Amino acid sequence: MGINILNKEFFILQRMIEGDEKALKYFFDSYYVDLCNFVNSYIKNEIISEDIVQSIFIYFWEKKKHFHLIILSRLTYIQHQKTKVLTI
């Protein structure tokens, strides 16, 4: 996954943290099916897998303000890695 893609994802996450419902919809539309498939590979029940993924999205939306530090730490890590590559 390239830096530009990661920057886009972090931008969308930042917008979600700020309460942007369009960003949440984009994130949901982009990842819902893949997440359901991933969970279903362990659970082996599509309905329960969908419930789990939906619950995760709801939890994330309700607790979005708490994710600010996580995103900030990831951005700092990516910027550090980018600088490290440029200096080599």
C-alpha atoms as a PDB file:
ATOM      1  CA  MET A   1       0.000   0.000   0.000  1.00  0.00           C
ATOM      2  CA  GLY A   2       1.559   3.276  -1.085  1.00  0.00           C
ATOM      3  CA  ILE A   3       1.990   6.421   0.955  1.00  0.00           C
ATOM      4  CA  ASN A   4      -0.629   8.302  -1.125  1.00  0.00           C
ATOM      5  CA  ILE A   5      -3.250   5.644  -0.403  1.00  0.00           C
ATOM      6  CA  LEU A   6      -2.402   5.722   3.297  1.00  0.00           C
ATOM      7  CA  ASN A   7      -2.620   9.513   3.340  1.00  0.00           C
ATOM      8  CA  LYS A   8      -6.054   9.304   1.713  1.00  0.00           C
ATOM      9  CA  GLU A   9      -7.235   6.755   4.265  1.00  0.00           C
ATOM     10  CA  PHE A  10      -5.941   8.851   7.156  1.00  0.00           C
ATOM     11  CA  PHE A  11      -7.639  11.926   5.697  1.00  0.00           C
ATOM     12  CA  ILE A  12     -10.935  10.043   5.560  1.00  0.00           C
ATOM     13  CA  LEU A  13     -10.473   8.754   9.105  1.00  0.00           C
ATOM     14  CA  GLN A  14      -9.724  12.295  10.250  1.00  0.00           C
ATOM     15  CA  ARG A  15     -12.939  13.508   8.593  1.00  0.00           C
ATOM     16  CA  MET A  16     -14.857  10.731  10.356  1.00  0.00           C
ATOM     17  CA  ILE A  17     -13.400  11.785  13.701  1.00  0.00           C
ATOM     18  CA  GLU A  18     -14.614  15.291  12.968  1.00  0.00           C
ATOM     19  CA  GLY A  19     -18.128  13.900  12.444  1.00  0.00           C
ATOM     20  CA  ASP A  20     -18.314  13.849   8.637  1.00  0.00           C
ATOM     21  CA  GLU A  21     -21.051  11.344   7.794  1.00  0.00           C
ATOM     22  CA  LYS A  22     -20.024  11.270   4.121  1.00  0.00           C
ATOM     23  CA  ALA A  23     -16.585  10.077   5.187  1.00  0.00           C
ATOM     24  CA  LEU A  24     -18.200   7.331   7.269  1.00  0.00           C
ATOM     25  CA  LYS A  25     -20.306   6.292   4.268  1.00  0.00           C
ATOM     26  CA  TYR A  26     -17.207   6.227   2.048  1.00  0.00           C
ATOM     27  CA  PHE A  27     -15.323   4.114   4.588  1.00  0.00           C
ATOM     28  CA  PHE A  28     -18.298   1.784   5.026  1.00  0.00           C
ATOM     29  CA  ASP A  29     -18.833   1.395   1.273  1.00  0.00           C
ATOM     30  CA  SER A  30     -15.118   0.800   0.715  1.00  0.00           C
ATOM     31  CA  TYR A  31     -14.505  -1.794   3.424  1.00  0.00           C
ATOM     32  CA  TYR A  32     -17.774  -3.389   4.500  1.00  0.00           C
ATOM     33  CA  VAL A  33     -17.758  -6.339   2.090  1.00  0.00           C
ATOM     34  CA  ASP A  34     -14.066  -7.133   2.635  1.00  0.00           C
ATOM     35  CA  LEU A  35     -14.467  -6.940   6.409  1.00  0.00           C
ATOM     36  CA  CYS A  36     -17.533  -9.185   6.301  1.00  0.00           C
ATOM     37  CA  ASN A  37     -15.617 -11.724   4.227  1.00  0.00           C
ATOM     38  CA  PHE A  38     -12.664 -11.569   6.609  1.00  0.00           C
ATOM     39  CA  VAL A  39     -14.819 -12.077   9.705  1.00  0.00           C
ATOM     40  CA  ASN A  40     -16.799 -14.799   7.948  1.00  0.00           C
ATOM     41  CA  SER A  41     -13.587 -16.697   7.211  1.00  0.00           C
ATOM     42  CA  TYR A  42     -13.385 -17.247  10.996  1.00  0.00           C
ATOM     43  CA  ILE A  43     -17.040 -17.264  12.041  1.00  0.00           C
ATOM     44  CA  LYS A  44     -18.438 -19.270   9.090  1.00  0.00           C
ATOM     45  CA  ASN A  45     -21.807 -17.532   9.417  1.00  0.00           C
ATOM     46  CA  GLU A  46     -22.579 -14.647   7.063  1.00  0.00           C
ATOM     47  CA  ILE A  47     -25.362 -13.109   9.147  1.00  0.00           C
ATOM     48  CA  ILE A  48     -23.313 -13.070  12.345  1.00  0.00           C
ATOM     49  CA  SER A  49     -20.299 -11.775  10.401  1.00  0.00           C
ATOM     50  CA  GLU A  50     -22.361  -8.881   9.042  1.00  0.00           C
ATOM     51  CA  ASP A  51     -23.670  -8.107  12.538  1.00  0.00           C
ATOM     52  CA  ILE A  52     -20.130  -8.033  13.900  1.00  0.00           C
ATOM     53  CA  VAL A  53     -18.869  -5.700  11.175  1.00  0.00           C
ATOM     54  CA  GLN A  54     -21.882  -3.408  11.529  1.00  0.00           C
ATOM     55  CA  SER A  55     -21.289  -3.299  15.288  1.00  0.00           C
ATOM     56  CA  ILE A  56     -17.668  -2.334  14.690  1.00  0.00           C
ATOM     57  CA  PHE A  57     -18.706   0.552  12.444  1.00  0.00           C
ATOM     58  CA  ILE A  58     -21.286   1.718  14.983  1.00  0.00           C
ATOM     59  CA  TYR A  59     -18.748   1.475  17.805  1.00  0.00           C
ATOM     60  CA  PHE A  60     -16.172   3.394  15.790  1.00  0.00           C
ATOM     61  CA  TRP A  61     -18.689   6.127  14.947  1.00  0.00           C
ATOM     62  CA  GLU A  62     -19.836   6.455  18.563  1.00  0.00           C
ATOM     63  CA  LYS A  63     -16.260   6.538  19.885  1.00  0.00           C
ATOM     64  CA  LYS A  64     -14.703   8.460  16.989  1.00  0.00           C
ATOM     65  CA  LYS A  65     -13.167  11.178  19.165  1.00  0.00           C
ATOM     66  CA  HIS A  66     -11.072   8.567  21.002  1.00  0.00           C
ATOM     67  CA  PHE A  67      -9.373   7.461  17.787  1.00  0.00           C
ATOM     68  CA  HIS A  68      -7.634  10.806  17.245  1.00  0.00           C
ATOM     69  CA  LEU A  69      -4.471   9.717  19.101  1.00  0.00           C
ATOM     70  CA  ILE A  70      -4.294   6.442  17.182  1.00  0.00           C
ATOM     71  CA  ILE A  71      -4.439   8.237  13.860  1.00  0.00           C
ATOM     72  CA  LEU A  72      -1.908  10.832  14.979  1.00  0.00           C
ATOM     73  CA  SER A  73       0.533   8.105  16.030  1.00  0.00           C
ATOM     74  CA  ARG A  74       0.134   6.304  12.677  1.00  0.00           C
ATOM     75  CA  LEU A  75       0.693   9.508  10.720  1.00  0.00           C
ATOM     76  CA  THR A  76       3.815  10.209  12.741  1.00  0.00           C
ATOM     77  CA  TYR A  77       5.083   6.682  12.024  1.00  0.00           C
ATOM     78  CA  ILE A  78       4.422   7.004   8.284  1.00  0.00           C
ATOM     79  CA  GLN A  79       6.126  10.385   8.120  1.00  0.00           C
ATOM     80  CA  HIS A  80       9.122   8.940   9.979  1.00  0.00           C
ATOM     81  CA  GLN A  81       9.321   6.003   7.556  1.00  0.00           C
ATOM     82  CA  LYS A  82       9.054   8.330   4.576  1.00  0.00           C
ATOM     83  CA  THR A  83      11.864  10.512   5.912  1.00  0.00           C
ATOM     84  CA  LYS A  84      13.968   7.428   6.658  1.00  0.00           C
ATOM     85  CA  VAL A  85      13.594   6.218   3.033  1.00  0.00           C
ATOM     86  CA  LEU A  86      14.472   9.639   1.629  1.00  0.00           C
ATOM     87  CA  THR A  87      17.682   9.815   3.672  1.00  0.00           C
ATOM     88  CA  ILE A  88      18.955   6.387   2.620  1.00  0.00           C
END
